[in-house]
């Protein structure tokens, strides 16, 4: 039997509520050359493993890997090693593929053989946007823009060549943002193998992303957040510089990096388990004094890249950072006012400097 065109890899952990929806969305796809689905039961303590086995018994295209709890990166690595297909797609067990998604991605790939195909997603399970292979071509220098357009950081909105993807791995030392590391490693490898590759971004959303999931900054506290994200951003900047991304994309990228970091600082103040407010404040200030933060602020000063968080971070003002982050988190109109206030303060300071 010939190998399938696409293998969909699904890490599974405590997925009883959503796994049927996820797998059904995969096996109902009609793909030229056929498809396979690998479910990786990552030591799930509930009956998710049994549900995986039930799917395998029902559909010969579904196979199951049972393993100890190695985390989502370990689960994806196991599925990656077991895949035997031309292409790979990752999918999380609480998400779903929209009807026709895989063939649309494959059609886009066949239309541009040297491209790296990616696509948008929707958070509306009932989204009726037509799924087509309509796409736009973006050059390698568009890497920063891909991140800004929410197309880069996740692994599950891309079509990977199996032979290439199996040469890189998800780094299990990270529990946050590890997806970006994998994608950047793949991009680097692709650039060495196919120097003239471009990005093909499908305009239709092909994946339903269940935004009710846990594990994001808004739902779970990460004590090492302000250590991990500078490492990810440093790698992203190196990749963007190597790709010769234009300044008009790098400036908003740096503003976005500062926002992500500042909101992590605010999260220390809000949810760090230290009982003393003073201890939490000291931790936040220590993060603000990091060499990475100093370098980012200096770069933004040179670029004249406005951000409402610029002066509060330079002043190490945890009170202002807290006010901005809380206003944004709660959707308060105050955020817009503070945003503009920060703009005028920063513009005046840059003029004086």
C-alpha atoms as a PDB file:
ATOM      1  CA  UNK A   1       0.000   0.000   0.000  1.00  0.00           C
ATOM      2  CA  UNK A   2       1.405   3.400  -1.007  1.00  0.00           C
ATOM      3  CA  UNK A   3       2.042   5.950   1.704  1.00  0.00           C
ATOM      4  CA  UNK A   4      -0.570   8.675   2.191  1.00  0.00           C
ATOM      5  CA  UNK A   5      -0.089  12.206   0.972  1.00  0.00           C
ATOM      6  CA  UNK A   6      -0.761  13.851   4.340  1.00  0.00           C
ATOM      7  CA  UNK A   7      -0.461  12.673   7.931  1.00  0.00           C
ATOM      8  CA  UNK A   8      -2.292  14.653  10.604  1.00  0.00           C
ATOM      9  CA  UNK A   9      -0.609  14.434  14.026  1.00  0.00           C
ATOM     10  CA  UNK A  10      -2.813  15.025  17.083  1.00  0.00           C
ATOM     11  CA  UNK A  11      -1.375  15.132  20.627  1.00  0.00           C
ATOM     12  CA  UNK A  12      -4.008  13.912  23.072  1.00  0.00           C
ATOM     13  CA  UNK A  13      -4.244  14.720  26.782  1.00  0.00           C
ATOM     14  CA  UNK A  14      -7.492  14.984  28.733  1.00  0.00           C
ATOM     15  CA  UNK A  15      -9.355  15.428  25.465  1.00  0.00           C
ATOM     16  CA  UNK A  16     -12.568  13.501  26.094  1.00  0.00           C
ATOM     17  CA  UNK A  17     -14.775  16.519  25.462  1.00  0.00           C
ATOM     18  CA  UNK A  18     -13.332  17.492  22.078  1.00  0.00           C
ATOM     19  CA  UNK A  19     -11.484  14.515  20.594  1.00  0.00           C
ATOM     20  CA  UNK A  20     -14.420  13.161  18.589  1.00  0.00           C
ATOM     21  CA  UNK A  21     -14.955  16.552  16.951  1.00  0.00           C
ATOM     22  CA  UNK A  22     -11.254  16.806  16.172  1.00  0.00           C
ATOM     23  CA  UNK A  23     -10.798  13.324  14.673  1.00  0.00           C
ATOM     24  CA  UNK A  24     -14.071  13.483  12.754  1.00  0.00           C
ATOM     25  CA  UNK A  25     -12.839  16.696  11.128  1.00  0.00           C
ATOM     26  CA  UNK A  26      -9.725  14.816   9.969  1.00  0.00           C
ATOM     27  CA  UNK A  27     -11.169  11.536   8.700  1.00  0.00           C
ATOM     28  CA  UNK A  28     -13.933  13.357   6.817  1.00  0.00           C
ATOM     29  CA  UNK A  29     -11.333  15.155   4.674  1.00  0.00           C
ATOM     30  CA  UNK A  30     -11.058  14.061   1.038  1.00  0.00           C
ATOM     31  CA  UNK A  31      -7.391  14.235   0.034  1.00  0.00           C
ATOM     32  CA  UNK A  32      -5.871  13.198  -3.270  1.00  0.00           C
ATOM     33  CA  UNK A  33      -3.462  10.371  -2.452  1.00  0.00           C
ATOM     34  CA  UNK A  34      -5.088   9.644   0.889  1.00  0.00           C
ATOM     35  CA  UNK A  35      -4.450  10.651   4.462  1.00  0.00           C
ATOM     36  CA  UNK A  36      -3.449   9.179   7.797  1.00  0.00           C
ATOM     37  CA  UNK A  37      -4.059  10.356  11.343  1.00  0.00           C
ATOM     38  CA  UNK A  38      -1.729   9.653  14.258  1.00  0.00           C
ATOM     39  CA  UNK A  39      -3.236  10.127  17.709  1.00  0.00           C
ATOM     40  CA  UNK A  40      -0.586  10.389  20.429  1.00  0.00           C
ATOM     41  CA  UNK A  41      -2.073   9.530  23.813  1.00  0.00           C
ATOM     42  CA  UNK A  42       0.365  11.391  26.034  1.00  0.00           C
ATOM     43  CA  UNK A  43      -0.310   9.542  29.272  1.00  0.00           C
ATOM     44  CA  UNK A  44      -3.776  10.995  29.561  1.00  0.00           C
ATOM     45  CA  UNK A  45      -5.252  10.114  33.001  1.00  0.00           C
ATOM     46  CA  UNK A  46      -8.837   9.997  31.714  1.00  0.00           C
ATOM     47  CA  UNK A  47     -10.340   7.728  29.056  1.00  0.00           C
ATOM     48  CA  UNK A  48      -8.903   9.695  26.139  1.00  0.00           C
ATOM     49  CA  UNK A  49      -6.584   6.781  25.336  1.00  0.00           C
ATOM     50  CA  UNK A  50      -9.535   4.403  25.050  1.00  0.00           C
ATOM     51  CA  UNK A  51     -11.311   6.874  22.798  1.00  0.00           C
ATOM     52  CA  UNK A  52      -8.208   6.966  20.584  1.00  0.00           C
ATOM     53  CA  UNK A  53      -8.247   3.163  20.372  1.00  0.00           C
ATOM     54  CA  UNK A  54     -11.934   3.239  19.444  1.00  0.00           C
ATOM     55  CA  UNK A  55     -11.178   5.548  16.529  1.00  0.00           C
ATOM     56  CA  UNK A  56      -8.336   3.286  15.372  1.00  0.00           C
ATOM     57  CA  UNK A  57     -10.662   0.294  15.469  1.00  0.00           C
ATOM     58  CA  UNK A  58     -13.252   2.194  13.479  1.00  0.00           C
ATOM     59  CA  UNK A  59     -10.969   3.679  10.786  1.00  0.00           C
ATOM     60  CA  UNK A  60      -7.806   1.972   9.456  1.00  0.00           C
ATOM     61  CA  UNK A  61      -6.299   5.364   8.602  1.00  0.00           C
ATOM     62  CA  UNK A  62      -6.087   6.168  12.323  1.00  0.00           C
ATOM     63  CA  UNK A  63      -3.201   4.841  14.397  1.00  0.00           C
ATOM     64  CA  UNK A  64      -2.500   5.402  18.089  1.00  0.00           C
ATOM     65  CA  UNK A  65       0.699   5.880  20.052  1.00  0.00           C
ATOM     66  CA  UNK A  66       0.392   5.410  23.822  1.00  0.00           C
ATOM     67  CA  UNK A  67       3.226   6.932  25.853  1.00  0.00           C
ATOM     68  CA  UNK A  68       4.015   8.389  29.247  1.00  0.00           C
ATOM     69  CA  UNK A  69       3.269  12.064  29.784  1.00  0.00           C
ATOM     70  CA  UNK A  70       6.035  13.862  27.857  1.00  0.00           C
ATOM     71  CA  UNK A  71       4.122  17.069  27.258  1.00  0.00           C
ATOM     72  CA  UNK A  72       2.725  18.399  23.991  1.00  0.00           C
ATOM     73  CA  UNK A  73       6.202  18.757  22.461  1.00  0.00           C
ATOM     74  CA  UNK A  74       7.083  15.162  23.300  1.00  0.00           C
ATOM     75  CA  UNK A  75       3.774  13.993  21.840  1.00  0.00           C
ATOM     76  CA  UNK A  76       4.314  15.882  18.603  1.00  0.00           C
ATOM     77  CA  UNK A  77       7.862  14.540  18.339  1.00  0.00           C
ATOM     78  CA  UNK A  78       6.583  10.969  18.679  1.00  0.00           C
ATOM     79  CA  UNK A  79       3.979  11.500  15.985  1.00  0.00           C
ATOM     80  CA  UNK A  80       6.566  13.183  13.777  1.00  0.00           C
ATOM     81  CA  UNK A  81       8.941  10.230  14.074  1.00  0.00           C
ATOM     82  CA  UNK A  82       6.177   7.757  13.204  1.00  0.00           C
ATOM     83  CA  UNK A  83       4.802   9.631  10.185  1.00  0.00           C
ATOM     84  CA  UNK A  84       5.288   8.108   6.738  1.00  0.00           C
ATOM     85  CA  UNK A  85       3.764  10.497   4.236  1.00  0.00           C
ATOM     86  CA  UNK A  86       4.730  13.277   1.888  1.00  0.00           C
ATOM     87  CA  UNK A  87       3.373  16.039   4.107  1.00  0.00           C
ATOM     88  CA  UNK A  88       2.494  16.584   7.756  1.00  0.00           C
ATOM     89  CA  UNK A  89      -0.148  18.742   9.402  1.00  0.00           C
ATOM     90  CA  UNK A  90      -0.349  19.227  13.171  1.00  0.00           C
ATOM     91  CA  UNK A  91      -3.708  19.622  14.887  1.00  0.00           C
ATOM     92  CA  UNK A  92      -4.527  20.059  18.565  1.00  0.00           C
ATOM     93  CA  UNK A  93      -7.187  17.794  20.060  1.00  0.00           C
ATOM     94  CA  UNK A  94      -9.497  20.674  20.974  1.00  0.00           C
ATOM     95  CA  UNK A  95      -9.352  22.175  17.466  1.00  0.00           C
ATOM     96  CA  UNK A  96     -10.743  20.981  14.133  1.00  0.00           C
ATOM     97  CA  UNK A  97     -10.071  21.161  10.419  1.00  0.00           C
ATOM     98  CA  UNK A  98     -12.701  22.857   8.327  1.00  0.00           C
ATOM     99  CA  UNK A  99     -14.225  20.788   5.486  1.00  0.00           C
ATOM    100  CA  UNK A 100     -11.907  20.736   2.467  1.00  0.00           C
ATOM    101  CA  UNK A 101      -8.990  22.213   4.394  1.00  0.00           C
ATOM    102  CA  UNK A 102      -6.330  19.625   3.592  1.00  0.00           C
ATOM    103  CA  UNK A 103      -7.039  19.498  -0.139  1.00  0.00           C
ATOM    104  CA  UNK A 104      -7.029  23.305  -0.306  1.00  0.00           C
ATOM    105  CA  UNK A 105      -3.611  23.362   1.364  1.00  0.00           C
ATOM    106  CA  UNK A 106      -2.373  20.636  -0.977  1.00  0.00           C
ATOM    107  CA  UNK A 107      -3.690  22.477  -4.043  1.00  0.00           C
ATOM    108  CA  UNK A 108      -1.842  25.615  -2.935  1.00  0.00           C
ATOM    109  CA  UNK A 109       1.325  23.564  -2.456  1.00  0.00           C
ATOM    110  CA  UNK A 110       1.035  21.969  -5.892  1.00  0.00           C
ATOM    111  CA  UNK A 111       0.511  25.387  -7.461  1.00  0.00           C
ATOM    112  CA  UNK A 112       3.753  26.637  -5.880  1.00  0.00           C
ATOM    113  CA  UNK A 113       5.988  23.595  -5.283  1.00  0.00           C
ATOM    114  CA  UNK A 114       8.824  25.548  -3.633  1.00  0.00           C
ATOM    115  CA  UNK A 115       6.578  27.369  -1.182  1.00  0.00           C
ATOM    116  CA  UNK A 116       5.909  26.955   2.518  1.00  0.00           C
ATOM    117  CA  UNK A 117       2.120  26.840   2.787  1.00  0.00           C
ATOM    118  CA  UNK A 118       0.321  28.346   5.781  1.00  0.00           C
ATOM    119  CA  UNK A 119      -3.215  29.493   6.441  1.00  0.00           C
ATOM    120  CA  UNK A 120      -5.472  31.571   8.639  1.00  0.00           C
ATOM    121  CA  UNK A 121      -7.742  30.195  11.353  1.00  0.00           C
ATOM    122  CA  UNK A 122     -11.145  31.011  12.775  1.00  0.00           C
ATOM    123  CA  UNK A 123     -12.430  30.992  16.346  1.00  0.00           C
ATOM    124  CA  UNK A 124     -16.014  30.550  15.138  1.00  0.00           C
ATOM    125  CA  UNK A 125     -16.911  26.857  14.953  1.00  0.00           C
ATOM    126  CA  UNK A 126     -19.806  27.752  12.637  1.00  0.00           C
ATOM    127  CA  UNK A 127     -17.739  29.932  10.286  1.00  0.00           C
ATOM    128  CA  UNK A 128     -19.193  29.714   6.771  1.00  0.00           C
ATOM    129  CA  UNK A 129     -16.308  31.350   4.909  1.00  0.00           C
ATOM    130  CA  UNK A 130     -15.717  29.261   1.760  1.00  0.00           C
ATOM    131  CA  UNK A 131     -12.627  27.063   1.899  1.00  0.00           C
ATOM    132  CA  UNK A 132     -10.606  27.583  -1.280  1.00  0.00           C
ATOM    133  CA  UNK A 133      -6.978  27.413  -2.391  1.00  0.00           C
ATOM    134  CA  UNK A 134      -6.904  31.160  -3.024  1.00  0.00           C
ATOM    135  CA  UNK A 135      -3.641  32.437  -1.614  1.00  0.00           C
ATOM    136  CA  UNK A 136      -1.122  35.243  -1.653  1.00  0.00           C
ATOM    137  CA  UNK A 137       2.609  34.822  -2.132  1.00  0.00           C
ATOM    138  CA  UNK A 138       4.881  36.419   0.433  1.00  0.00           C
ATOM    139  CA  UNK A 139       8.674  36.647   0.080  1.00  0.00           C
ATOM    140  CA  UNK A 140      11.120  35.382   2.673  1.00  0.00           C
ATOM    141  CA  UNK A 141      11.530  39.003   3.763  1.00  0.00           C
ATOM    142  CA  UNK A 142       7.889  38.863   4.880  1.00  0.00           C
ATOM    143  CA  UNK A 143       8.765  36.726   7.915  1.00  0.00           C
ATOM    144  CA  UNK A 144       8.144  39.488  10.467  1.00  0.00           C
ATOM    145  CA  UNK A 145       4.844  40.336   8.817  1.00  0.00           C
ATOM    146  CA  UNK A 146       3.785  36.683   9.100  1.00  0.00           C
ATOM    147  CA  UNK A 147       4.288  36.922  12.856  1.00  0.00           C
ATOM    148  CA  UNK A 148       2.375  40.190  13.049  1.00  0.00           C
ATOM    149  CA  UNK A 149      -0.469  38.653  11.042  1.00  0.00           C
ATOM    150  CA  UNK A 150      -0.709  35.686  13.467  1.00  0.00           C
ATOM    151  CA  UNK A 151       0.450  33.205  10.832  1.00  0.00           C
ATOM    152  CA  UNK A 152       3.882  32.241  12.140  1.00  0.00           C
ATOM    153  CA  UNK A 153       3.914  31.352  15.839  1.00  0.00           C
ATOM    154  CA  UNK A 154       1.715  28.242  15.794  1.00  0.00           C
ATOM    155  CA  UNK A 155       2.619  24.859  14.239  1.00  0.00           C
ATOM    156  CA  UNK A 156      -0.904  23.764  13.319  1.00  0.00           C
ATOM    157  CA  UNK A 157      -1.656  26.117  10.409  1.00  0.00           C
ATOM    158  CA  UNK A 158       1.079  24.879   8.091  1.00  0.00           C
ATOM    159  CA  UNK A 159       1.842  22.126   5.589  1.00  0.00           C
ATOM    160  CA  UNK A 160       5.257  20.602   6.290  1.00  0.00           C
ATOM    161  CA  UNK A 161       7.294  18.318   4.076  1.00  0.00           C
ATOM    162  CA  UNK A 162       7.722  15.204   6.193  1.00  0.00           C
ATOM    163  CA  UNK A 163      11.319  14.582   5.140  1.00  0.00           C
ATOM    164  CA  UNK A 164      12.262  18.091   6.272  1.00  0.00           C
ATOM    165  CA  UNK A 165      10.129  18.260   9.412  1.00  0.00           C
ATOM    166  CA  UNK A 166      11.638  15.017  10.679  1.00  0.00           C
ATOM    167  CA  UNK A 167      15.029  16.755  10.743  1.00  0.00           C
ATOM    168  CA  UNK A 168      13.877  19.213  13.429  1.00  0.00           C
ATOM    169  CA  UNK A 169      12.150  18.637  16.757  1.00  0.00           C
ATOM    170  CA  UNK A 170      10.025  20.439  19.295  1.00  0.00           C
ATOM    171  CA  UNK A 171      12.217  21.518  22.207  1.00  0.00           C
ATOM    172  CA  UNK A 172      10.800  19.938  25.360  1.00  0.00           C
ATOM    173  CA  UNK A 173      12.690  22.319  27.666  1.00  0.00           C
ATOM    174  CA  UNK A 174      10.146  25.012  26.836  1.00  0.00           C
ATOM    175  CA  UNK A 175       6.626  24.971  28.225  1.00  0.00           C
ATOM    176  CA  UNK A 176       5.664  28.245  26.571  1.00  0.00           C
ATOM    177  CA  UNK A 177       6.195  29.475  23.020  1.00  0.00           C
ATOM    178  CA  UNK A 178       7.932  26.250  21.956  1.00  0.00           C
ATOM    179  CA  UNK A 179       5.859  26.211  18.763  1.00  0.00           C
ATOM    180  CA  UNK A 180       7.626  29.315  17.429  1.00  0.00           C
ATOM    181  CA  UNK A 181      11.017  27.688  17.979  1.00  0.00           C
ATOM    182  CA  UNK A 182       9.994  24.661  15.890  1.00  0.00           C
ATOM    183  CA  UNK A 183       8.616  26.779  13.055  1.00  0.00           C
ATOM    184  CA  UNK A 184      11.756  28.943  12.936  1.00  0.00           C
ATOM    185  CA  UNK A 185      13.958  25.832  12.891  1.00  0.00           C
ATOM    186  CA  UNK A 186      11.905  24.481   9.989  1.00  0.00           C
ATOM    187  CA  UNK A 187      12.148  27.796   8.126  1.00  0.00           C
ATOM    188  CA  UNK A 188      15.918  27.832   8.605  1.00  0.00           C
ATOM    189  CA  UNK A 189      16.229  24.280   7.278  1.00  0.00           C
ATOM    190  CA  UNK A 190      13.920  25.024   4.353  1.00  0.00           C
ATOM    191  CA  UNK A 191      16.097  28.012   3.454  1.00  0.00           C
ATOM    192  CA  UNK A 192      19.165  25.784   3.264  1.00  0.00           C
ATOM    193  CA  UNK A 193      17.455  23.117   1.145  1.00  0.00           C
ATOM    194  CA  UNK A 194      15.362  25.443  -1.028  1.00  0.00           C
ATOM    195  CA  UNK A 195      17.038  28.889  -0.955  1.00  0.00           C
ATOM    196  CA  UNK A 196      14.454  30.454  -3.282  1.00  0.00           C
ATOM    197  CA  UNK A 197      11.356  29.350  -1.339  1.00  0.00           C
ATOM    198  CA  UNK A 198       8.497  31.745  -0.648  1.00  0.00           C
ATOM    199  CA  UNK A 199       5.518  31.679   1.697  1.00  0.00           C
ATOM    200  CA  UNK A 200       2.070  30.876   0.360  1.00  0.00           C
ATOM    201  CA  UNK A 201      -0.624  32.147   2.720  1.00  0.00           C
ATOM    202  CA  UNK A 202      -4.130  30.896   2.028  1.00  0.00           C
ATOM    203  CA  UNK A 203      -6.680  33.629   2.548  1.00  0.00           C
ATOM    204  CA  UNK A 204      -9.436  31.323   3.842  1.00  0.00           C
ATOM    205  CA  UNK A 205      -9.368  30.047   7.437  1.00  0.00           C
ATOM    206  CA  UNK A 206      -8.725  26.301   7.296  1.00  0.00           C
ATOM    207  CA  UNK A 207      -8.557  25.519  11.026  1.00  0.00           C
ATOM    208  CA  UNK A 208     -11.050  26.108  13.810  1.00  0.00           C
ATOM    209  CA  UNK A 209      -9.109  27.232  16.868  1.00  0.00           C
ATOM    210  CA  UNK A 210     -10.960  26.703  20.124  1.00  0.00           C
ATOM    211  CA  UNK A 211     -10.025  29.834  22.070  1.00  0.00           C
ATOM    212  CA  UNK A 212     -11.762  28.530  25.207  1.00  0.00           C
ATOM    213  CA  UNK A 213      -8.746  26.307  25.870  1.00  0.00           C
ATOM    214  CA  UNK A 214      -6.548  26.792  28.937  1.00  0.00           C
ATOM    215  CA  UNK A 215      -2.822  27.350  29.115  1.00  0.00           C
ATOM    216  CA  UNK A 216      -2.468  30.865  27.720  1.00  0.00           C
ATOM    217  CA  UNK A 217      -1.174  33.903  29.613  1.00  0.00           C
ATOM    218  CA  UNK A 218      -4.765  34.938  30.254  1.00  0.00           C
ATOM    219  CA  UNK A 219      -5.596  31.655  32.001  1.00  0.00           C
ATOM    220  CA  UNK A 220      -2.399  30.291  33.553  1.00  0.00           C
ATOM    221  CA  UNK A 221       0.547  31.945  35.276  1.00  0.00           C
ATOM    222  CA  UNK A 222       4.041  31.143  33.958  1.00  0.00           C
ATOM    223  CA  UNK A 223       6.763  31.987  36.463  1.00  0.00           C
ATOM    224  CA  UNK A 224       9.464  31.983  33.763  1.00  0.00           C
ATOM    225  CA  UNK A 225       7.443  33.944  31.182  1.00  0.00           C
ATOM    226  CA  UNK A 226       9.804  36.947  31.212  1.00  0.00           C
ATOM    227  CA  UNK A 227      12.787  34.643  30.740  1.00  0.00           C
ATOM    228  CA  UNK A 228      11.392  32.461  27.979  1.00  0.00           C
ATOM    229  CA  UNK A 229       9.898  35.050  25.657  1.00  0.00           C
ATOM    230  CA  UNK A 230      13.125  37.079  25.274  1.00  0.00           C
ATOM    231  CA  UNK A 231      14.793  33.854  24.110  1.00  0.00           C
ATOM    232  CA  UNK A 232      12.045  33.282  21.551  1.00  0.00           C
ATOM    233  CA  UNK A 233      12.118  36.888  20.400  1.00  0.00           C
ATOM    234  CA  UNK A 234      15.910  36.855  20.081  1.00  0.00           C
ATOM    235  CA  UNK A 235      15.618  33.857  17.748  1.00  0.00           C
ATOM    236  CA  UNK A 236      12.793  35.510  15.820  1.00  0.00           C
ATOM    237  CA  UNK A 237      14.828  38.689  15.348  1.00  0.00           C
ATOM    238  CA  UNK A 238      17.843  36.741  14.112  1.00  0.00           C
ATOM    239  CA  UNK A 239      15.634  34.970  11.588  1.00  0.00           C
ATOM    240  CA  UNK A 240      14.038  38.255  10.487  1.00  0.00           C
ATOM    241  CA  UNK A 241      17.424  39.923  10.078  1.00  0.00           C
ATOM    242  CA  UNK A 242      18.702  36.960   8.057  1.00  0.00           C
ATOM    243  CA  UNK A 243      15.603  37.262   5.856  1.00  0.00           C
ATOM    244  CA  UNK A 244      16.205  41.021   5.420  1.00  0.00           C
ATOM    245  CA  UNK A 245      12.783  41.982   6.725  1.00  0.00           C
ATOM    246  CA  UNK A 246      12.069  45.674   6.057  1.00  0.00           C
ATOM    247  CA  UNK A 247      12.062  48.272   8.823  1.00  0.00           C
ATOM    248  CA  UNK A 248       8.373  48.962   8.277  1.00  0.00           C
ATOM    249  CA  UNK A 249       7.776  45.429   9.569  1.00  0.00           C
ATOM    250  CA  UNK A 250      10.497  45.342  12.222  1.00  0.00           C
ATOM    251  CA  UNK A 251       9.224  48.444  14.016  1.00  0.00           C
ATOM    252  CA  UNK A 252       5.757  47.006  14.742  1.00  0.00           C
ATOM    253  CA  UNK A 253       7.399  43.677  15.570  1.00  0.00           C
ATOM    254  CA  UNK A 254       9.488  45.368  18.262  1.00  0.00           C
ATOM    255  CA  UNK A 255       6.449  47.214  19.581  1.00  0.00           C
ATOM    256  CA  UNK A 256       4.611  43.897  19.779  1.00  0.00           C
ATOM    257  CA  UNK A 257       7.556  42.286  21.593  1.00  0.00           C
ATOM    258  CA  UNK A 258       7.538  45.061  24.187  1.00  0.00           C
ATOM    259  CA  UNK A 259       3.795  44.652  24.690  1.00  0.00           C
ATOM    260  CA  UNK A 260       4.106  40.886  25.173  1.00  0.00           C
ATOM    261  CA  UNK A 261       6.924  41.346  27.684  1.00  0.00           C
ATOM    262  CA  UNK A 262       5.255  44.201  29.581  1.00  0.00           C
ATOM    263  CA  UNK A 263       2.064  42.200  29.972  1.00  0.00           C
ATOM    264  CA  UNK A 264       4.175  39.372  31.378  1.00  0.00           C
ATOM    265  CA  UNK A 265       5.624  41.829  33.899  1.00  0.00           C
ATOM    266  CA  UNK A 266       2.091  42.878  34.831  1.00  0.00           C
ATOM    267  CA  UNK A 267       1.186  39.221  35.268  1.00  0.00           C
ATOM    268  CA  UNK A 268       3.951  38.882  37.866  1.00  0.00           C
ATOM    269  CA  UNK A 269       2.305  41.692  39.820  1.00  0.00           C
ATOM    270  CA  UNK A 270      -1.138  40.154  39.443  1.00  0.00           C
ATOM    271  CA  UNK A 271      -0.592  36.412  39.871  1.00  0.00           C
ATOM    272  CA  UNK A 272       2.860  35.543  41.176  1.00  0.00           C
ATOM    273  CA  UNK A 273       2.347  33.233  44.198  1.00  0.00           C
ATOM    274  CA  UNK A 274       4.552  35.371  46.469  1.00  0.00           C
ATOM    275  CA  UNK A 275       2.346  36.624  49.302  1.00  0.00           C
ATOM    276  CA  UNK A 276       4.175  39.939  49.654  1.00  0.00           C
ATOM    277  CA  UNK A 277       3.343  42.677  47.145  1.00  0.00           C
ATOM    278  CA  UNK A 278       6.861  43.978  47.620  1.00  0.00           C
ATOM    279  CA  UNK A 279       8.372  40.647  46.567  1.00  0.00           C
ATOM    280  CA  UNK A 280       6.174  40.605  43.476  1.00  0.00           C
ATOM    281  CA  UNK A 281       7.235  44.157  42.661  1.00  0.00           C
ATOM    282  CA  UNK A 282      10.918  43.265  43.078  1.00  0.00           C
ATOM    283  CA  UNK A 283      10.487  40.320  40.686  1.00  0.00           C
ATOM    284  CA  UNK A 284       8.802  42.590  38.144  1.00  0.00           C
ATOM    285  CA  UNK A 285      11.554  45.202  38.377  1.00  0.00           C
ATOM    286  CA  UNK A 286      14.225  42.513  38.018  1.00  0.00           C
ATOM    287  CA  UNK A 287      12.585  41.453  34.751  1.00  0.00           C
ATOM    288  CA  UNK A 288      12.522  45.070  33.556  1.00  0.00           C
ATOM    289  CA  UNK A 289      16.249  45.412  34.270  1.00  0.00           C
ATOM    290  CA  UNK A 290      17.206  42.506  32.030  1.00  0.00           C
ATOM    291  CA  UNK A 291      19.819  43.177  29.318  1.00  0.00           C
ATOM    292  CA  UNK A 292      17.312  42.030  26.689  1.00  0.00           C
ATOM    293  CA  UNK A 293      14.815  44.680  27.781  1.00  0.00           C
ATOM    294  CA  UNK A 294      17.497  47.397  27.741  1.00  0.00           C
ATOM    295  CA  UNK A 295      18.586  46.389  24.233  1.00  0.00           C
ATOM    296  CA  UNK A 296      14.993  46.349  22.979  1.00  0.00           C
ATOM    297  CA  UNK A 297      14.287  49.825  24.354  1.00  0.00           C
ATOM    298  CA  UNK A 298      17.471  51.192  22.802  1.00  0.00           C
ATOM    299  CA  UNK A 299      16.570  49.645  19.453  1.00  0.00           C
ATOM    300  CA  UNK A 300      13.092  51.141  19.607  1.00  0.00           C
ATOM    301  CA  UNK A 301      14.560  54.536  20.452  1.00  0.00           C
ATOM    302  CA  UNK A 302      16.738  54.415  17.350  1.00  0.00           C
ATOM    303  CA  UNK A 303      13.811  53.244  15.233  1.00  0.00           C
ATOM    304  CA  UNK A 304      11.480  55.825  16.803  1.00  0.00           C
ATOM    305  CA  UNK A 305       9.090  52.928  17.345  1.00  0.00           C
ATOM    306  CA  UNK A 306       6.230  54.225  19.487  1.00  0.00           C
ATOM    307  CA  UNK A 307       4.713  52.095  22.218  1.00  0.00           C
ATOM    308  CA  UNK A 308       2.660  53.151  25.221  1.00  0.00           C
ATOM    309  CA  UNK A 309       4.763  50.739  27.289  1.00  0.00           C
ATOM    310  CA  UNK A 310       8.093  52.335  26.258  1.00  0.00           C
ATOM    311  CA  UNK A 311       8.473  54.945  28.990  1.00  0.00           C
ATOM    312  CA  UNK A 312       6.881  52.887  31.794  1.00  0.00           C
ATOM    313  CA  UNK A 313       9.350  50.085  31.012  1.00  0.00           C
ATOM    314  CA  UNK A 314      12.319  52.454  30.758  1.00  0.00           C
ATOM    315  CA  UNK A 315      11.327  54.091  34.043  1.00  0.00           C
ATOM    316  CA  UNK A 316      10.743  50.654  35.640  1.00  0.00           C
ATOM    317  CA  UNK A 317       7.332  51.971  36.651  1.00  0.00           C
ATOM    318  CA  UNK A 318       5.423  48.901  37.704  1.00  0.00           C
ATOM    319  CA  UNK A 319       2.465  51.106  38.597  1.00  0.00           C
ATOM    320  CA  UNK A 320       2.096  52.454  35.041  1.00  0.00           C
ATOM    321  CA  UNK A 321       2.699  49.043  33.477  1.00  0.00           C
ATOM    322  CA  UNK A 322       0.043  47.582  35.748  1.00  0.00           C
ATOM    323  CA  UNK A 323      -2.431  50.344  34.832  1.00  0.00           C
ATOM    324  CA  UNK A 324      -1.913  49.864  31.095  1.00  0.00           C
ATOM    325  CA  UNK A 325      -2.091  46.072  31.221  1.00  0.00           C
ATOM    326  CA  UNK A 326      -5.156  45.995  33.460  1.00  0.00           C
ATOM    327  CA  UNK A 327      -6.972  48.530  31.291  1.00  0.00           C
ATOM    328  CA  UNK A 328      -6.236  46.455  28.193  1.00  0.00           C
ATOM    329  CA  UNK A 329      -7.080  43.136  29.875  1.00  0.00           C
ATOM    330  CA  UNK A 330     -10.434  44.354  31.111  1.00  0.00           C
ATOM    331  CA  UNK A 331     -11.318  46.235  27.931  1.00  0.00           C
ATOM    332  CA  UNK A 332     -11.446  49.549  29.758  1.00  0.00           C
ATOM    333  CA  UNK A 333     -11.661  52.751  27.650  1.00  0.00           C
ATOM    334  CA  UNK A 334      -8.855  53.976  29.890  1.00  0.00           C
ATOM    335  CA  UNK A 335      -6.420  51.859  27.867  1.00  0.00           C
ATOM    336  CA  UNK A 336      -6.893  54.018  24.776  1.00  0.00           C
ATOM    337  CA  UNK A 337      -6.378  57.178  26.799  1.00  0.00           C
ATOM    338  CA  UNK A 338      -3.217  55.840  28.403  1.00  0.00           C
ATOM    339  CA  UNK A 339      -2.065  54.642  25.002  1.00  0.00           C
ATOM    340  CA  UNK A 340      -2.293  58.118  23.518  1.00  0.00           C
ATOM    341  CA  UNK A 341      -0.809  59.701  26.635  1.00  0.00           C
ATOM    342  CA  UNK A 342       2.155  57.388  26.268  1.00  0.00           C
ATOM    343  CA  UNK A 343       2.488  58.392  22.623  1.00  0.00           C
ATOM    344  CA  UNK A 344       2.792  62.106  23.370  1.00  0.00           C
ATOM    345  CA  UNK A 345       5.147  61.544  26.299  1.00  0.00           C
ATOM    346  CA  UNK A 346       7.380  59.334  24.209  1.00  0.00           C
ATOM    347  CA  UNK A 347       7.341  61.667  21.205  1.00  0.00           C
ATOM    348  CA  UNK A 348       8.375  64.558  23.413  1.00  0.00           C
ATOM    349  CA  UNK A 349      11.171  62.592  25.023  1.00  0.00           C
ATOM    350  CA  UNK A 350      12.531  61.389  21.687  1.00  0.00           C
ATOM    351  CA  UNK A 351      12.581  64.957  20.418  1.00  0.00           C
ATOM    352  CA  UNK A 352      14.561  66.074  23.491  1.00  0.00           C
ATOM    353  CA  UNK A 353      17.002  63.194  23.041  1.00  0.00           C
END
